[in-house]
Amino acid sequence: MKKFKVTLTGHYQKTISVYAETPEQVKEKTETILFDTDLIDFSDEDFIGGEAVVTVDREDGLEESVEEETDEDDCCSGCPYFCSVCGECVYEDECEE
């Protein structure tokens, strides 16, 4: 059995209200919120997509990316709601074609 390394990248989206006098203050406050993960709580409902990159250690000590062939539709592969992990649409309603 081989050991694989998987790097997961999740994308979350959440709208928040920020009180400030100027757009520059909003930017500063937002950066503080983003970097202090205890200030904002992302939930499963905020998850909008993600991807997984799978690699395996080769015999020569290097890592090799493992790409799996999928039967995804051409119209869905570029869609932001297409999940490259499960191969399904993660949009709650039907996709528009």
PDB file of N, CA and C in Angstrom:
ATOM      1  N   MET A   1       0.838  -1.170   0.000  1.00  0.00           N
ATOM      2  CA  MET A   1       0.000   0.000   0.000  1.00  0.00           C
ATOM      3  C   MET A   1       0.891   1.243   0.000  1.00  0.00           C
ATOM      4  N   LYS A   2       0.570   2.207  -0.859  1.00  0.00           N
ATOM      5  CA  LYS A   2       1.351   3.423  -0.974  1.00  0.00           C
ATOM      6  C   LYS A   2       0.805   4.519  -0.056  1.00  0.00           C
ATOM      7  N   LYS A   3       1.700   5.400   0.364  1.00  0.00           N
ATOM      8  CA  LYS A   3       1.292   6.562   1.153  1.00  0.00           C
ATOM      9  C   LYS A   3       1.196   7.750   0.203  1.00  0.00           C
ATOM     10  N   PHE A   4       0.039   8.405   0.183  1.00  0.00           N
ATOM     11  CA  PHE A   4      -0.187   9.573  -0.652  1.00  0.00           C
ATOM     12  C   PHE A   4      -0.301  10.812   0.226  1.00  0.00           C
ATOM     13  N   LYS A   5       0.187  11.924  -0.280  1.00  0.00           N
ATOM     14  CA  LYS A   5       0.009  13.209   0.391  1.00  0.00           C
ATOM     15  C   LYS A   5      -1.093  13.955  -0.340  1.00  0.00           C
ATOM     16  N   VAL A   6      -2.024  14.529   0.402  1.00  0.00           N
ATOM     17  CA  VAL A   6      -3.136  15.261  -0.190  1.00  0.00           C
ATOM     18  C   VAL A   6      -3.143  16.670   0.386  1.00  0.00           C
ATOM     19  N   THR A   7      -3.097  17.662  -0.481  1.00  0.00           N
ATOM     20  CA  THR A   7      -3.189  19.055  -0.062  1.00  0.00           C
ATOM     21  C   THR A   7      -4.588  19.547  -0.388  1.00  0.00           C
ATOM     22  N   LEU A   8      -5.341  19.899   0.633  1.00  0.00           N
ATOM     23  CA  LEU A   8      -6.702  20.375   0.450  1.00  0.00           C
ATOM     24  C   LEU A   8      -6.722  21.899   0.487  1.00  0.00           C
ATOM     25  N   THR A   9      -7.468  22.485  -0.434  1.00  0.00           N
ATOM     26  CA  THR A   9      -7.665  23.929  -0.454  1.00  0.00           C
ATOM     27  C   THR A   9      -9.162  24.178  -0.453  1.00  0.00           C
ATOM     28  N   GLY A  10      -9.643  24.844   0.575  1.00  0.00           N
ATOM     29  CA  GLY A  10     -11.065  25.142   0.673  1.00  0.00           C
ATOM     30  C   GLY A  10     -11.328  26.608   0.419  1.00  0.00           C
ATOM     31  N   HIS A  11     -12.440  26.875  -0.194  1.00  0.00           N
ATOM     32  CA  HIS A  11     -12.834  28.246  -0.475  1.00  0.00           C
ATOM     33  C   HIS A  11     -14.131  28.538   0.278  1.00  0.00           C
ATOM     34  N   TYR A  12     -14.083  29.567   1.097  1.00  0.00           N
ATOM     35  CA  TYR A  12     -15.243  29.967   1.871  1.00  0.00           C
ATOM     36  C   TYR A  12     -15.643  31.375   1.478  1.00  0.00           C
ATOM     37  N   GLN A  13     -16.929  31.655   1.583  1.00  0.00           N
ATOM     38  CA  GLN A  13     -17.414  32.987   1.275  1.00  0.00           C
ATOM     39  C   GLN A  13     -18.431  33.374   2.317  1.00  0.00           C
ATOM     40  N   LYS A  14     -18.254  34.551   2.914  1.00  0.00           N
ATOM     41  CA  LYS A  14     -19.169  35.025   3.936  1.00  0.00           C
ATOM     42  C   LYS A  14     -19.196  36.540   3.860  1.00  0.00           C
ATOM     43  N   THR A  15     -20.373  37.123   3.890  1.00  0.00           N
ATOM     44  CA  THR A  15     -20.519  38.572   3.877  1.00  0.00           C
ATOM     45  C   THR A  15     -20.655  39.062   5.305  1.00  0.00           C
ATOM     46  N   ILE A  16     -19.840  40.050   5.640  1.00  0.00           N
ATOM     47  CA  ILE A  16     -19.868  40.620   6.990  1.00  0.00           C
ATOM     48  C   ILE A  16     -20.049  42.127   6.880  1.00  0.00           C
ATOM     49  N   SER A  17     -20.441  42.779   7.970  1.00  0.00           N
ATOM     50  CA  SER A  17     -20.547  44.230   8.023  1.00  0.00           C
ATOM     51  C   SER A  17     -19.352  44.772   8.784  1.00  0.00           C
ATOM     52  N   VAL A  18     -18.752  45.825   8.245  1.00  0.00           N
ATOM     53  CA  VAL A  18     -17.604  46.462   8.876  1.00  0.00           C
ATOM     54  C   VAL A  18     -17.913  47.954   9.000  1.00  0.00           C
ATOM     55  N   TYR A  19     -17.813  48.473  10.216  1.00  0.00           N
ATOM     56  CA  TYR A  19     -18.042  49.890  10.459  1.00  0.00           C
ATOM     57  C   TYR A  19     -16.717  50.636  10.397  1.00  0.00           C
ATOM     58  N   ALA A  20     -16.674  51.692   9.558  1.00  0.00           N
ATOM     59  CA  ALA A  20     -15.446  52.460   9.396  1.00  0.00           C
ATOM     60  C   ALA A  20     -15.784  53.826   8.817  1.00  0.00           C
ATOM     61  N   GLU A  21     -14.823  54.728   8.887  1.00  0.00           N
ATOM     62  CA  GLU A  21     -14.990  56.063   8.336  1.00  0.00           C
ATOM     63  C   GLU A  21     -14.604  56.129   6.860  1.00  0.00           C
ATOM     64  N   THR A  22     -13.630  55.313   6.450  1.00  0.00           N
ATOM     65  CA  THR A  22     -13.128  55.354   5.073  1.00  0.00           C
ATOM     66  C   THR A  22     -12.940  53.933   4.541  1.00  0.00           C
ATOM     67  N   PRO A  23     -12.872  53.792   3.216  1.00  0.00           N
ATOM     68  CA  PRO A  23     -12.583  52.467   2.639  1.00  0.00           C
ATOM     69  C   PRO A  23     -11.232  51.911   3.093  1.00  0.00           C
ATOM     70  N   GLU A  24     -10.270  52.793   3.344  1.00  0.00           N
ATOM     71  CA  GLU A  24      -8.959  52.338   3.819  1.00  0.00           C
ATOM     72  C   GLU A  24      -9.080  51.681   5.195  1.00  0.00           C
ATOM     73  N   GLN A  25      -9.926  52.249   6.055  1.00  0.00           N
ATOM     74  CA  GLN A  25     -10.147  51.657   7.378  1.00  0.00           C
ATOM     75  C   GLN A  25     -10.835  50.298   7.249  1.00  0.00           C
ATOM     76  N   VAL A  26     -11.755  50.192   6.299  1.00  0.00           N
ATOM     77  CA  VAL A  26     -12.431  48.905   6.068  1.00  0.00           C
ATOM     78  C   VAL A  26     -11.401  47.856   5.678  1.00  0.00           C
ATOM     79  N   LYS A  27     -10.479  48.230   4.787  1.00  0.00           N
ATOM     80  CA  LYS A  27      -9.442  47.293   4.343  1.00  0.00           C
ATOM     81  C   LYS A  27      -8.580  46.846   5.519  1.00  0.00           C
ATOM     82  N   GLU A  28      -8.159  47.781   6.367  1.00  0.00           N
ATOM     83  CA  GLU A  28      -7.329  47.449   7.524  1.00  0.00           C
ATOM     84  C   GLU A  28      -8.077  46.536   8.495  1.00  0.00           C
ATOM     85  N   LYS A  29      -9.327  46.864   8.771  1.00  0.00           N
ATOM     86  CA  LYS A  29     -10.110  46.043   9.696  1.00  0.00           C
ATOM     87  C   LYS A  29     -10.359  44.651   9.121  1.00  0.00           C
ATOM     88  N   THR A  30     -10.606  44.584   7.821  1.00  0.00           N
ATOM     89  CA  THR A  30     -10.860  43.291   7.183  1.00  0.00           C
ATOM     90  C   THR A  30      -9.616  42.418   7.218  1.00  0.00           C
ATOM     91  N   GLU A  31      -8.448  43.005   6.992  1.00  0.00           N
ATOM     92  CA  GLU A  31      -7.207  42.235   7.073  1.00  0.00           C
ATOM     93  C   GLU A  31      -7.012  41.680   8.480  1.00  0.00           C
ATOM     94  N   THR A  32      -7.336  42.477   9.494  1.00  0.00           N
ATOM     95  CA  THR A  32      -7.237  42.003  10.879  1.00  0.00           C
ATOM     96  C   THR A  32      -8.172  40.830  11.106  1.00  0.00           C
ATOM     97  N   ILE A  33      -9.392  40.940  10.601  1.00  0.00           N
ATOM     98  CA  ILE A  33     -10.381  39.859  10.764  1.00  0.00           C
ATOM     99  C   ILE A  33      -9.904  38.589  10.068  1.00  0.00           C
ATOM    100  N   LEU A  34      -9.369  38.721   8.855  1.00  0.00           N
ATOM    101  CA  LEU A  34      -8.931  37.547   8.090  1.00  0.00           C
ATOM    102  C   LEU A  34      -7.761  36.832   8.743  1.00  0.00           C
ATOM    103  N   PHE A  35      -6.842  37.594   9.344  1.00  0.00           N
ATOM    104  CA  PHE A  35      -5.653  36.974   9.912  1.00  0.00           C
ATOM    105  C   PHE A  35      -5.835  36.506  11.347  1.00  0.00           C
ATOM    106  N   ASP A  36      -6.894  36.940  12.018  1.00  0.00           N
ATOM    107  CA  ASP A  36      -7.203  36.462  13.361  1.00  0.00           C
ATOM    108  C   ASP A  36      -8.402  35.532  13.226  1.00  0.00           C
ATOM    109  N   THR A  37      -8.120  34.255  13.040  1.00  0.00           N
ATOM    110  CA  THR A  37      -9.181  33.297  12.717  1.00  0.00           C
ATOM    111  C   THR A  37     -10.212  33.128  13.820  1.00  0.00           C
ATOM    112  N   ASP A  38      -9.937  33.633  15.012  1.00  0.00           N
ATOM    113  CA  ASP A  38     -10.909  33.538  16.091  1.00  0.00           C
ATOM    114  C   ASP A  38     -12.007  34.598  15.973  1.00  0.00           C
ATOM    115  N   LEU A  39     -11.838  35.588  15.118  1.00  0.00           N
ATOM    116  CA  LEU A  39     -12.806  36.677  15.001  1.00  0.00           C
ATOM    117  C   LEU A  39     -13.969  36.355  14.070  1.00  0.00           C
ATOM    118  N   ILE A  40     -13.807  35.379  13.198  1.00  0.00           N
ATOM    119  CA  ILE A  40     -14.870  35.021  12.266  1.00  0.00           C
ATOM    120  C   ILE A  40     -15.027  33.508  12.253  1.00  0.00           C
ATOM    121  N   ASP A  41     -16.262  33.073  12.192  1.00  0.00           N
ATOM    122  CA  ASP A  41     -16.548  31.642  12.250  1.00  0.00           C
ATOM    123  C   ASP A  41     -17.122  31.183  10.923  1.00  0.00           C
ATOM    124  N   PHE A  42     -16.346  30.423  10.174  1.00  0.00           N
ATOM    125  CA  PHE A  42     -16.842  29.854   8.931  1.00  0.00           C
ATOM    126  C   PHE A  42     -17.528  28.532   9.240  1.00  0.00           C
ATOM    127  N   SER A  43     -18.664  28.306   8.586  1.00  0.00           N
ATOM    128  CA  SER A  43     -19.420  27.076   8.798  1.00  0.00           C
ATOM    129  C   SER A  43     -19.527  26.305   7.484  1.00  0.00           C
ATOM    130  N   ASP A  44     -20.161  25.139   7.538  1.00  0.00           N
ATOM    131  CA  ASP A  44     -20.357  24.340   6.332  1.00  0.00           C
ATOM    132  C   ASP A  44     -21.164  25.103   5.284  1.00  0.00           C
ATOM    133  N   GLU A  45     -22.084  25.957   5.731  1.00  0.00           N
ATOM    134  CA  GLU A  45     -22.907  26.726   4.798  1.00  0.00           C
ATOM    135  C   GLU A  45     -22.076  27.753   4.032  1.00  0.00           C
ATOM    136  N   ASP A  46     -20.924  28.153   4.587  1.00  0.00           N
ATOM    137  CA  ASP A  46     -20.063  29.141   3.940  1.00  0.00           C
ATOM    138  C   ASP A  46     -19.118  28.522   2.911  1.00  0.00           C
ATOM    139  N   PHE A  47     -19.014  27.199   2.894  1.00  0.00           N
ATOM    140  CA  PHE A  47     -18.104  26.515   1.984  1.00  0.00           C
ATOM    141  C   PHE A  47     -18.663  26.573   0.573  1.00  0.00           C
ATOM    142  N   ILE A  48     -17.865  27.076  -0.399  1.00  0.00           N
ATOM    143  CA  ILE A  48     -18.355  27.188  -1.774  1.00  0.00           C
ATOM    144  C   ILE A  48     -17.572  26.334  -2.760  1.00  0.00           C
ATOM    145  N   GLY A  49     -16.527  25.697  -2.327  1.00  0.00           N
ATOM    146  CA  GLY A  49     -15.782  24.844  -3.246  1.00  0.00           C
ATOM    147  C   GLY A  49     -14.398  24.555  -2.724  1.00  0.00           C
ATOM    148  N   GLY A  50     -13.718  23.664  -3.391  1.00  0.00           N
ATOM    149  CA  GLY A  50     -12.371  23.309  -2.973  1.00  0.00           C
ATOM    150  C   GLY A  50     -11.722  22.397  -3.985  1.00  0.00           C
ATOM    151  N   GLU A  51     -10.508  22.044  -3.685  1.00  0.00           N
ATOM    152  CA  GLU A  51      -9.792  21.131  -4.569  1.00  0.00           C
ATOM    153  C   GLU A  51      -8.832  20.307  -3.737  1.00  0.00           C
ATOM    154  N   ALA A  52      -8.407  19.210  -4.302  1.00  0.00           N
ATOM    155  CA  ALA A  52      -7.430  18.348  -3.649  1.00  0.00           C
ATOM    156  C   ALA A  52      -6.317  18.040  -4.637  1.00  0.00           C
ATOM    157  N   VAL A  53      -5.088  18.196  -4.184  1.00  0.00           N
ATOM    158  CA  VAL A  53      -3.928  17.849  -4.999  1.00  0.00           C
ATOM    159  C   VAL A  53      -3.282  16.640  -4.335  1.00  0.00           C
ATOM    160  N   VAL A  54      -3.193  15.538  -5.071  1.00  0.00           N
ATOM    161  CA  VAL A  54      -2.663  14.295  -4.542  1.00  0.00           C
ATOM    162  C   VAL A  54      -1.266  14.071  -5.114  1.00  0.00           C
ATOM    163  N   THR A  55      -0.323  13.763  -4.233  1.00  0.00           N
ATOM    164  CA  THR A  55       1.039  13.448  -4.668  1.00  0.00           C
ATOM    165  C   THR A  55       1.478  12.147  -4.015  1.00  0.00           C
ATOM    166  N   VAL A  56       2.441  11.507  -4.630  1.00  0.00           N
ATOM    167  CA  VAL A  56       3.006  10.274  -4.103  1.00  0.00           C
ATOM    168  C   VAL A  56       4.525  10.400  -4.179  1.00  0.00           C
ATOM    169  N   ASP A  57       5.216   9.853  -3.179  1.00  0.00           N
ATOM    170  CA  ASP A  57       6.677   9.856  -3.181  1.00  0.00           C
ATOM    171  C   ASP A  57       7.184   8.842  -4.202  1.00  0.00           C
ATOM    172  N   ARG A  58       8.092   9.289  -5.059  1.00  0.00           N
ATOM    173  CA  ARG A  58       8.687   8.393  -6.036  1.00  0.00           C
ATOM    174  C   ARG A  58       9.885   7.689  -5.415  1.00  0.00           C
ATOM    175  N   GLU A  59      10.368   6.666  -6.090  1.00  0.00           N
ATOM    176  CA  GLU A  59      11.522   5.913  -5.592  1.00  0.00           C
ATOM    177  C   GLU A  59      12.783   6.758  -5.546  1.00  0.00           C
ATOM    178  N   ASP A  60      12.865   7.784  -6.401  1.00  0.00           N
ATOM    179  CA  ASP A  60      14.056   8.638  -6.419  1.00  0.00           C
ATOM    180  C   ASP A  60      13.988   9.756  -5.375  1.00  0.00           C
ATOM    181  N   GLY A  61      12.974   9.737  -4.500  1.00  0.00           N
ATOM    182  CA  GLY A  61      12.860  10.715  -3.425  1.00  0.00           C
ATOM    183  C   GLY A  61      12.064  11.950  -3.776  1.00  0.00           C
ATOM    184  N   LEU A  62      11.681  12.107  -5.029  1.00  0.00           N
ATOM    185  CA  LEU A  62      10.888  13.259  -5.437  1.00  0.00           C
ATOM    186  C   LEU A  62       9.405  12.947  -5.305  1.00  0.00           C
ATOM    187  N   GLU A  63       8.587  13.984  -5.356  1.00  0.00           N
ATOM    188  CA  GLU A  63       7.144  13.794  -5.317  1.00  0.00           C
ATOM    189  C   GLU A  63       6.582  13.876  -6.730  1.00  0.00           C
ATOM    190  N   GLU A  64       5.556  13.088  -6.976  1.00  0.00           N
ATOM    191  CA  GLU A  64       4.901  13.083  -8.273  1.00  0.00           C
ATOM    192  C   GLU A  64       3.426  13.368  -8.073  1.00  0.00           C
ATOM    193  N   SER A  65       2.890  14.287  -8.869  1.00  0.00           N
ATOM    194  CA  SER A  65       1.473  14.603  -8.801  1.00  0.00           C
ATOM    195  C   SER A  65       0.671  13.468  -9.414  1.00  0.00           C
ATOM    196  N   VAL A  66      -0.410  13.098  -8.781  1.00  0.00           N
ATOM    197  CA  VAL A  66      -1.280  12.036  -9.278  1.00  0.00           C
ATOM    198  C   VAL A  66      -2.528  12.706  -9.829  1.00  0.00           C
ATOM    199  N   GLU A  67      -2.682  12.643 -11.151  1.00  0.00           N
ATOM    200  CA  GLU A  67      -3.853  13.246 -11.772  1.00  0.00           C
ATOM    201  C   GLU A  67      -4.787  12.147 -12.211  1.00  0.00           C
ATOM    202  N   GLU A  68      -6.028  12.281 -11.784  1.00  0.00           N
ATOM    203  CA  GLU A  68      -7.033  11.280 -12.110  1.00  0.00           C
ATOM    204  C   GLU A  68      -7.855  11.764 -13.287  1.00  0.00           C
ATOM    205  N   GLU A  69      -8.109  10.881 -14.244  1.00  0.00           N
ATOM    206  CA  GLU A  69      -8.956  11.247 -15.375  1.00  0.00           C
ATOM    207  C   GLU A  69     -10.390  11.276 -14.918  1.00  0.00           C
ATOM    208  N   THR A  70     -11.111  12.310 -15.347  1.00  0.00           N
ATOM    209  CA  THR A  70     -12.522  12.440 -14.972  1.00  0.00           C
ATOM    210  C   THR A  70     -13.377  12.498 -16.217  1.00  0.00           C
ATOM    211  N   ASP A  71     -14.629  12.185 -16.053  1.00  0.00           N
ATOM    212  CA  ASP A  71     -15.597  12.239 -17.144  1.00  0.00           C
ATOM    213  C   ASP A  71     -16.463  13.486 -17.027  1.00  0.00           C
ATOM    214  N   GLU A  72     -15.879  14.582 -16.560  1.00  0.00           N
ATOM    215  CA  GLU A  72     -16.645  15.798 -16.345  1.00  0.00           C
ATOM    216  C   GLU A  72     -17.060  16.421 -17.674  1.00  0.00           C
ATOM    217  N   ASP A  73     -18.227  17.082 -17.648  1.00  0.00           N
ATOM    218  CA  ASP A  73     -18.695  17.795 -18.827  1.00  0.00           C
ATOM    219  C   ASP A  73     -17.805  19.002 -19.074  1.00  0.00           C
ATOM    220  N   ASP A  74     -17.587  19.327 -20.360  1.00  0.00           N
ATOM    221  CA  ASP A  74     -16.769  20.491 -20.691  1.00  0.00           C
ATOM    222  C   ASP A  74     -17.369  21.765 -20.136  1.00  0.00           C
ATOM    223  N   CYS A  75     -18.697  21.867 -20.108  1.00  0.00           N
ATOM    224  CA  CYS A  75     -19.334  23.088 -19.631  1.00  0.00           C
ATOM    225  C   CYS A  75     -19.179  23.245 -18.125  1.00  0.00           C
ATOM    226  N   CYS A  76     -18.946  22.177 -17.401  1.00  0.00           N
ATOM    227  CA  CYS A  76     -18.851  22.255 -15.938  1.00  0.00           C
ATOM    228  C   CYS A  76     -17.423  22.429 -15.430  1.00  0.00           C
ATOM    229  N   SER A  77     -16.437  22.036 -16.197  1.00  0.00           N
ATOM    230  CA  SER A  77     -15.068  22.043 -15.688  1.00  0.00           C
ATOM    231  C   SER A  77     -14.580  23.436 -15.319  1.00  0.00           C
ATOM    232  N   GLY A  78     -15.059  24.476 -15.973  1.00  0.00           N
ATOM    233  CA  GLY A  78     -14.653  25.832 -15.649  1.00  0.00           C
ATOM    234  C   GLY A  78     -15.592  26.532 -14.688  1.00  0.00           C
ATOM    235  N   CYS A  79     -16.638  25.873 -14.285  1.00  0.00           N
ATOM    236  CA  CYS A  79     -17.650  26.461 -13.401  1.00  0.00           C
ATOM    237  C   CYS A  79     -17.096  26.570 -11.975  1.00  0.00           C
ATOM    238  N   PRO A  80     -17.309  27.707 -11.296  1.00  0.00           N
ATOM    239  CA  PRO A  80     -16.802  27.845  -9.927  1.00  0.00           C
ATOM    240  C   PRO A  80     -17.506  26.923  -8.934  1.00  0.00           C
ATOM    241  N   TYR A  81     -18.631  26.352  -9.322  1.00  0.00           N
ATOM    242  CA  TYR A  81     -19.361  25.456  -8.431  1.00  0.00           C
ATOM    243  C   TYR A  81     -19.033  23.984  -8.684  1.00  0.00           C
ATOM    244  N   PHE A  82     -18.137  23.701  -9.647  1.00  0.00           N
ATOM    245  CA  PHE A  82     -17.747  22.328  -9.939  1.00  0.00           C
ATOM    246  C   PHE A  82     -16.705  21.891  -8.924  1.00  0.00           C
ATOM    247  N   CYS A  83     -16.969  20.830  -8.192  1.00  0.00           N
ATOM    248  CA  CYS A  83     -16.046  20.316  -7.179  1.00  0.00           C
ATOM    249  C   CYS A  83     -15.091  19.328  -7.839  1.00  0.00           C
ATOM    250  N   SER A  84     -13.808  19.688  -7.857  1.00  0.00           N
ATOM    251  CA  SER A  84     -12.818  18.809  -8.480  1.00  0.00           C
ATOM    252  C   SER A  84     -12.531  17.572  -7.636  1.00  0.00           C
ATOM    253  N   VAL A  85     -12.965  17.583  -6.383  1.00  0.00           N
ATOM    254  CA  VAL A  85     -12.750  16.442  -5.505  1.00  0.00           C
ATOM    255  C   VAL A  85     -13.787  15.359  -5.767  1.00  0.00           C
ATOM    256  N   CYS A  86     -15.084  15.739  -5.720  1.00  0.00           N
ATOM    257  CA  CYS A  86     -16.137  14.733  -5.882  1.00  0.00           C
ATOM    258  C   CYS A  86     -16.687  14.671  -7.307  1.00  0.00           C
ATOM    259  N   GLY A  87     -16.369  15.677  -8.145  1.00  0.00           N
ATOM    260  CA  GLY A  87     -16.847  15.676  -9.519  1.00  0.00           C
ATOM    261  C   GLY A  87     -18.300  16.072  -9.656  1.00  0.00           C
ATOM    262  N   GLU A  88     -18.868  16.673  -8.609  1.00  0.00           N
ATOM    263  CA  GLU A  88     -20.267  17.057  -8.612  1.00  0.00           C
ATOM    264  C   GLU A  88     -20.409  18.571  -8.552  1.00  0.00           C
ATOM    265  N   CYS A  89     -21.580  19.055  -8.902  1.00  0.00           N
ATOM    266  CA  CYS A  89     -21.898  20.469  -8.791  1.00  0.00           C
ATOM    267  C   CYS A  89     -22.247  20.764  -7.334  1.00  0.00           C
ATOM    268  N   VAL A  90     -21.607  21.789  -6.753  1.00  0.00           N
ATOM    269  CA  VAL A  90     -21.876  22.126  -5.355  1.00  0.00           C
ATOM    270  C   VAL A  90     -22.823  23.309  -5.228  1.00  0.00           C
ATOM    271  N   TYR A  91     -23.372  23.767  -6.350  1.00  0.00           N
ATOM    272  CA  TYR A  91     -24.346  24.847  -6.322  1.00  0.00           C
ATOM    273  C   TYR A  91     -25.677  24.274  -5.858  1.00  0.00           C
ATOM    274  N   GLU A  92     -26.380  24.990  -4.993  1.00  0.00           N
ATOM    275  CA  GLU A  92     -27.616  24.474  -4.400  1.00  0.00           C
ATOM    276  C   GLU A  92     -28.743  24.323  -5.416  1.00  0.00           C
ATOM    277  N   ASP A  93     -28.804  25.211  -6.397  1.00  0.00           N
ATOM    278  CA  ASP A  93     -29.835  25.132  -7.440  1.00  0.00           C
ATOM    279  C   ASP A  93     -29.243  24.459  -8.663  1.00  0.00           C
ATOM    280  N   GLU A  94     -30.065  24.283  -9.679  1.00  0.00           N
ATOM    281  CA  GLU A  94     -29.573  23.677 -10.907  1.00  0.00           C
ATOM    282  C   GLU A  94     -28.612  24.610 -11.618  1.00  0.00           C
ATOM    283  N   CYS A  95     -27.608  24.050 -12.281  1.00  0.00           N
ATOM    284  CA  CYS A  95     -26.648  24.850 -13.038  1.00  0.00           C
ATOM    285  C   CYS A  95     -27.310  25.382 -14.297  1.00  0.00           C
ATOM    286  N   GLU A  96     -26.924  26.595 -14.684  1.00  0.00           N
ATOM    287  CA  GLU A  96     -27.405  27.168 -15.942  1.00  0.00           C
ATOM    288  C   GLU A  96     -26.446  26.761 -17.032  1.00  0.00           C
ATOM    289  N   GLU A  97     -26.964  26.365 -18.166  1.00  0.00           N
ATOM    290  CA  GLU A  97     -26.103  25.975 -19.291  1.00  0.00           C
ATOM    291  C   GLU A  97     -26.140  27.015 -20.360  1.00  0.00           C
TER     292      GLU A  97
END
